[in-house]
C-alpha atoms as a PDB file:
ATOM      1  CA  MET A   1     101.749 101.572 139.648  1.00  0.00           C
ATOM      2  CA  PHE A   2     100.345  98.391 137.926  1.00  0.00           C
ATOM      3  CA  LEU A   3      99.447  97.845 134.260  1.00  0.00           C
ATOM      4  CA  ASN A   4      95.961  97.801 133.389  1.00  0.00           C
ATOM      5  CA  PRO A   5      94.733  95.254 130.875  1.00  0.00           C
ATOM      6  CA  TYR A   6      95.226  97.212 127.721  1.00  0.00           C
ATOM      7  CA  GLN A   7      99.127  98.219 128.682  1.00  0.00           C
ATOM      8  CA  LYS A   8      99.381  94.393 129.714  1.00  0.00           C
ATOM      9  CA  TYR A   9      98.251  93.476 126.125  1.00  0.00           C
ATOM     10  CA  ILE A  10     100.834  95.845 124.674  1.00  0.00           C
ATOM     11  CA  ASP A  11     103.552  94.711 127.025  1.00  0.00           C
ATOM     12  CA  GLU A  12     102.712  90.998 125.740  1.00  0.00           C
ATOM     13  CA  LEU A  13     102.381  91.987 121.981  1.00  0.00           C
ATOM     14  CA  ILE A  14     106.052  93.901 122.534  1.00  0.00           C
ATOM     15  CA  ASN A  15     107.432  91.236 124.352  1.00  0.00           C
ATOM     16  CA  GLU A  16     106.261  88.503 121.622  1.00  0.00           C
ATOM     17  CA  TYR A  17     107.131  90.663 118.792  1.00  0.00           C
ATOM     18  CA  GLY A  18     109.640  93.051 119.599  1.00  0.00           C
ATOM     19  CA  PRO A  19     109.033  96.801 118.971  1.00  0.00           C
ATOM     20  CA  LEU A  20     105.674  97.777 116.747  1.00  0.00           C
ATOM     21  CA  GLN A  21     103.965 100.960 115.908  1.00  0.00           C
ATOM     22  CA  MET A  22     101.641 102.422 117.504  1.00  0.00           C
ATOM     23  CA  ARG A  23      99.045 102.218 114.902  1.00  0.00           C
ATOM     24  CA  GLN A  24      99.426  98.361 115.029  1.00  0.00           C
ATOM     25  CA  LEU A  25      99.121  98.443 118.442  1.00  0.00           C
ATOM     26  CA  LEU A  26      95.965 100.399 118.460  1.00  0.00           C
ATOM     27  CA  VAL A  27      94.199  97.702 116.114  1.00  0.00           C
ATOM     28  CA  MET A  28      95.290  95.029 118.419  1.00  0.00           C
ATOM     29  CA  VAL A  29      94.041  96.184 121.629  1.00  0.00           C
ATOM     30  CA  ASN A  30      90.707  97.614 119.805  1.00  0.00           C
ATOM     31  CA  SER A  31      90.139  94.305 118.258  1.00  0.00           C
ATOM     32  CA  LYS A  32      91.110  92.491 121.345  1.00  0.00           C
ATOM     33  CA  PHE A  33      88.813  94.322 123.844  1.00  0.00           C
ATOM     34  CA  LYS A  34      86.324  95.320 121.577  1.00  0.00           C
ATOM     35  CA  SER A  35      87.027  99.015 122.216  1.00  0.00           C
ATOM     36  CA  ARG A  36      86.925 101.958 119.950  1.00  0.00           C
ATOM     37  CA  PHE A  37      90.215 104.010 121.505  1.00  0.00           C
ATOM     38  CA  PRO A  38      90.835 106.814 119.009  1.00  0.00           C
ATOM     39  CA  ASN A  39      94.703 106.290 119.934  1.00  0.00           C
ATOM     40  CA  LEU A  40      96.920 104.838 122.877  1.00  0.00           C
ATOM     41  CA  ASP A  41      98.612 108.094 123.773  1.00  0.00           C
ATOM     42  CA  LYS A  42      98.201 108.121 127.429  1.00  0.00           C
ATOM     43  CA  TYR A  43      98.556 104.488 128.142  1.00  0.00           C
ATOM     44  CA  ILE A  44     101.965 104.376 125.841  1.00  0.00           C
ATOM     45  CA  ALA A  45     103.039 107.636 128.006  1.00  0.00           C
ATOM     46  CA  GLN A  46     102.388 105.770 131.465  1.00  0.00           C
ATOM     47  CA  MET A  47     104.242 102.650 129.973  1.00  0.00           C
ATOM     48  CA  GLU A  48     107.374 105.617 129.494  1.00  0.00           C
ATOM     49  CA  ARG A  49     107.303 107.133 132.245  1.00  0.00           C
ATOM     50  CA  TYR A  50     106.720 104.171 134.800  1.00  0.00           C
ATOM     51  CA  TYR A  51     108.090 101.434 133.224  1.00  0.00           C
ATOM     52  CA  ASP A  52     111.239 101.092 130.589  1.00  0.00           C
ATOM     53  CA  TYR A  53     109.409 101.957 127.304  1.00  0.00           C
ATOM     54  CA  GLU A  54     110.016 104.347 124.300  1.00  0.00           C
ATOM     55  CA  ARG A  55     108.508 106.048 121.651  1.00  0.00           C
ATOM     56  CA  ILE A  56     110.702 106.212 118.193  1.00  0.00           C
ATOM     57  CA  GLY A  57     109.439 108.874 116.065  1.00  0.00           C
ATOM     58  CA  LYS A  58     105.920 110.534 116.399  1.00  0.00           C
ATOM     59  CA  GLY A  59     101.958 110.005 115.847  1.00  0.00           C
ATOM     60  CA  GLU A  60     100.579 106.822 114.506  1.00  0.00           C
ATOM     61  CA  GLU A  61     103.841 105.463 112.595  1.00  0.00           C
ATOM     62  CA  ALA A  62     105.741 106.009 115.934  1.00  0.00           C
ATOM     63  CA  ILE A  63     107.480 102.678 117.364  1.00  0.00           C
ATOM     64  CA  VAL A  64     106.961 101.655 120.752  1.00  0.00           C
ATOM     65  CA  ALA A  65     109.700  99.413 122.126  1.00  0.00           C
ATOM     66  CA  VAL A  66     111.569  98.508 125.357  1.00  0.00           C
ATOM     67  CA  ARG A  67     114.123 100.980 126.139  1.00  0.00           C
ATOM     68  CA  GLY A  68     117.436 100.145 124.236  1.00  0.00           C
ATOM     69  CA  MET A  69     115.496  97.574 121.801  1.00  0.00           C
ATOM     70  CA  GLN A  70     115.978  97.796 118.366  1.00  0.00           C
ATOM     71  CA  PRO A  71     113.174  97.469 115.860  1.00  0.00           C
ATOM     72  CA  ASP A  72     113.028  94.378 113.433  1.00  0.00           C
ATOM     73  CA  TYR A  73     111.218  95.814 110.440  1.00  0.00           C
ATOM     74  CA  ASP A  74     110.626  92.411 108.808  1.00  0.00           C
ATOM     75  CA  ILE A  75     108.486  91.741 112.196  1.00  0.00           C
ATOM     76  CA  ILE A  76     106.677  95.233 111.696  1.00  0.00           C
ATOM     77  CA  ARG A  77     106.240  94.507 108.315  1.00  0.00           C
ATOM     78  CA  SER A  78     104.968  91.291 109.120  1.00  0.00           C
ATOM     79  CA  PHE A  79     102.534  92.151 111.394  1.00  0.00           C
ATOM     80  CA  GLU A  80     101.009  94.836 108.813  1.00  0.00           C
ATOM     81  CA  VAL A  81     100.288  91.766 106.933  1.00  0.00           C
ATOM     82  CA  MET A  82      98.402  89.754 109.408  1.00  0.00           C
ATOM     83  CA  LEU A  83      96.560  92.776 110.323  1.00  0.00           C
ATOM     84  CA  TYR A  84      94.837  92.770 107.212  1.00  0.00           C
ATOM     85  CA  PHE A  85      93.290  89.796 108.270  1.00  0.00           C
ATOM     86  CA  ASN A  86      92.580  91.075 111.922  1.00  0.00           C
ATOM     87  CA  ASN A  87      88.941  90.308 111.727  1.00  0.00           C
ATOM     88  CA  GLN A  88      89.496  86.500 111.087  1.00  0.00           C
ATOM     89  CA  VAL A  89      92.717  85.890 113.251  1.00  0.00           C
ATOM     90  CA  ILE A  90      92.344  83.745 115.654  1.00  0.00           C
ATOM     91  CA  CYS A  91      95.895  83.002 116.818  1.00  0.00           C
ATOM     92  CA  HIS A  92      99.147  84.272 115.900  1.00  0.00           C
ATOM     93  CA  ARG A  93     102.894  83.994 117.061  1.00  0.00           C
ATOM     94  CA  ARG A  94     106.173  84.847 116.197  1.00  0.00           C
ATOM     95  CA  SER A  95     108.071  82.392 114.362  1.00  0.00           C
ATOM     96  CA  ARG A  96     112.160  81.620 113.675  1.00  0.00           C
ATOM     97  CA  GLU A  97     114.110  81.202 111.087  1.00  0.00           C
ATOM     98  CA  LEU A  98     113.318  82.772 107.867  1.00  0.00           C
ATOM     99  CA  VAL A  99     109.419  82.877 108.860  1.00  0.00           C
ATOM    100  CA  THR A 100     108.711  85.852 110.623  1.00  0.00           C
ATOM    101  CA  ILE A 101     105.072  85.331 111.822  1.00  0.00           C
ATOM    102  CA  ARG A 102     102.495  82.402 111.509  1.00  0.00           C
ATOM    103  CA  PHE A 103      99.125  83.240 112.086  1.00  0.00           C
ATOM    104  CA  TYR A 104      95.577  81.357 111.734  1.00  0.00           C
ATOM    105  CA  VAL A 105      92.455  82.385 110.253  1.00  0.00           C
ATOM    106  CA  ASP A 106      89.166  81.141 110.180  1.00  0.00           C
ATOM    107  CA  ASP A 107      87.392  81.326 107.174  1.00  0.00           C
ATOM    108  CA  GLU A 108      83.975  79.975 106.030  1.00  0.00           C
ATOM    109  CA  ASN A 109      85.061  76.513 105.712  1.00  0.00           C
ATOM    110  CA  HIS A 110      87.968  76.020 108.009  1.00  0.00           C
ATOM    111  CA  THR A 111      90.787  77.117 109.800  1.00  0.00           C
ATOM    112  CA  ARG A 112      93.722  78.067 107.686  1.00  0.00           C
ATOM    113  CA  GLU A 113      97.552  78.870 108.704  1.00  0.00           C
ATOM    114  CA  ILE A 114      99.525  81.632 106.930  1.00  0.00           C
ATOM    115  CA  SER A 115     102.933  81.704 107.182  1.00  0.00           C
ATOM    116  CA  VAL A 116     104.537  85.128 106.397  1.00  0.00           C
ATOM    117  CA  ILE A 117     108.277  85.448 104.904  1.00  0.00           C
ATOM    118  CA  PRO A 118     110.108  88.462 103.866  1.00  0.00           C
ATOM    119  CA  VAL A 119     111.989  88.410 100.966  1.00  0.00           C
ATOM    120  CA  LYS A 120     114.788  90.788 100.507  1.00  0.00           C
ATOM    121  CA  ALA A 121     115.886  91.515  96.622  1.00  0.00           C
ATOM    122  CA  GLY A 122     118.480  89.243  95.747  1.00  0.00           C
ATOM    123  CA  SER A 123     117.551  86.519  98.304  1.00  0.00           C
ATOM    124  CA  GLU A 124     114.770  84.953  96.236  1.00  0.00           C
ATOM    125  CA  LYS A 125     116.388  81.678  95.152  1.00  0.00           C
ATOM    126  CA  MET A 126     117.481  80.637  98.791  1.00  0.00           C
ATOM    127  CA  VAL A 127     113.916  81.538 100.216  1.00  0.00           C
ATOM    128  CA  SER A 128     112.254  79.515  97.301  1.00  0.00           C
ATOM    129  CA  GLU A 129     114.676  76.219  98.186  1.00  0.00           C
ATOM    130  CA  TYR A 130     114.167  77.309 102.089  1.00  0.00           C
ATOM    131  CA  VAL A 131     110.485  76.857 101.300  1.00  0.00           C
ATOM    132  CA  ASN A 132     110.705  73.800  99.212  1.00  0.00           C
ATOM    133  CA  ASP A 133     113.080  71.984 101.910  1.00  0.00           C
ATOM    134  CA  ARG A 134     110.658  73.317 105.074  1.00  0.00           C
ATOM    135  CA  PHE A 135     107.269  73.253 103.892  1.00  0.00           C
ATOM    136  CA  ALA A 136     107.127  70.163 101.992  1.00  0.00           C
ATOM    137  CA  LYS A 137     105.467  68.113 104.541  1.00  0.00           C
ATOM    138  CA  SER A 138     104.090  70.712 106.411  1.00  0.00           C
ATOM    139  CA  LYS A 139     100.470  71.526 107.402  1.00  0.00           C
ATOM    140  CA  SER A 140     100.881  75.528 106.774  1.00  0.00           C
ATOM    141  CA  GLU A 141      98.305  76.091 103.815  1.00  0.00           C
ATOM    142  CA  VAL A 142      99.386  79.422 102.521  1.00  0.00           C
ATOM    143  CA  VAL A 143     103.018  80.955 102.413  1.00  0.00           C
ATOM    144  CA  MET A 144     102.756  84.507 101.983  1.00  0.00           C
ATOM    145  CA  TYR A 145     106.220  86.281 100.862  1.00  0.00           C
ATOM    146  CA  LEU A 146     106.180  89.751 101.665  1.00  0.00           C
ATOM    147  CA  LEU A 147     108.271  91.486  98.912  1.00  0.00           C
ATOM    148  CA  GLU A 148     110.108  94.629  98.600  1.00  0.00           C
ATOM    149  CA  ASN A 149     108.729  95.129  95.030  1.00  0.00           C
ATOM    150  CA  LYS A 150     106.248  93.098  92.623  1.00  0.00           C
ATOM    151  CA  ASN A 151     109.401  92.499  90.314  1.00  0.00           C
ATOM    152  CA  GLN A 152     110.507  89.609  92.734  1.00  0.00           C
ATOM    153  CA  ILE A 153     107.469  87.641  92.137  1.00  0.00           C
ATOM    154  CA  LYS A 154     108.644  85.948  88.938  1.00  0.00           C
ATOM    155  CA  LYS A 155     112.007  84.983  90.815  1.00  0.00           C
ATOM    156  CA  ILE A 156     109.993  82.757  93.337  1.00  0.00           C
ATOM    157  CA  THR A 157     110.081  79.162  92.584  1.00  0.00           C
ATOM    158  CA  SER A 158     108.553  77.783  94.989  1.00  0.00           C
ATOM    159  CA  LYS A 159     105.780  74.449  94.855  1.00  0.00           C
ATOM    160  CA  ARG A 160     103.717  75.373  97.412  1.00  0.00           C
ATOM    161  CA  TYR A 161     100.398  77.305  97.941  1.00  0.00           C
ATOM    162  CA  GLN A 162     101.615  80.827  97.909  1.00  0.00           C
ATOM    163  CA  ARG A 163     100.240  84.425  98.040  1.00  0.00           C
ATOM    164  CA  PHE A 164     102.646  87.397  97.455  1.00  0.00           C
ATOM    165  CA  ALA A 165     102.342  90.846  99.549  1.00  0.00           C
ATOM    166  CA  VAL A 166     103.960  94.441  99.075  1.00  0.00           C
ATOM    167  CA  ILE A 167     103.728  97.094 101.484  1.00  0.00           C
ATOM    168  CA  GLY A 168     103.208 100.407  99.669  1.00  0.00           C
ATOM    169  CA  LYS A 169     102.320 104.120 100.540  1.00  0.00           C
ATOM    170  CA  GLN A 170      98.671 102.774 100.334  1.00  0.00           C
ATOM    171  CA  GLY A 171      99.348  99.612 102.668  1.00  0.00           C
ATOM    172  CA  VAL A 172      99.222  96.315 101.876  1.00  0.00           C
ATOM    173  CA  VAL A 173      98.993  94.974  98.242  1.00  0.00           C
ATOM    174  CA  PHE A 174      98.234  91.228  97.534  1.00  0.00           C
ATOM    175  CA  TYR A 175      99.112  89.119  94.479  1.00  0.00           C
ATOM    176  CA  LYS A 176      98.019  85.511  93.569  1.00  0.00           C
ATOM    177  CA  ASP A 177     100.523  82.826  92.251  1.00  0.00           C
ATOM    178  CA  LYS A 178     102.335  83.992  88.990  1.00  0.00           C
END
């Protein structure tokens, strides 16, 4: 059995980012192919049956992975931030080190690069130093700190243009500089 274009794209996303939620894959497939699938259940079921994929959990929040691959929840959360900008995203990729995802959005005036950095409680100082060092001469326009809670904002001491995001029960919530 061959992968259809939708399954090939799902495969590309999982190979690039690792395991992702069904809901995230649905948004990306619908966006790329300008389709309106209500779900990807049948496509994922075929990938599970004929290829080495598995579903972890149930429903939209289920995670689709290559069998045996452990989910990286920082990537899944960072991907959620990127999906907020989905209609403007023109390019995206997984990054290394502390930056998990870089993506480019097209706004009214120009293309803007956004770098997403998950920040665990207690690591704010180390992340601030990393950003001050790595992004001092970088062309990345926005550093998006993905925080565990809003209280971490005051602990970030970066000199960069920055935004903050926290994922709650209602989805992604954004905050501007302190």
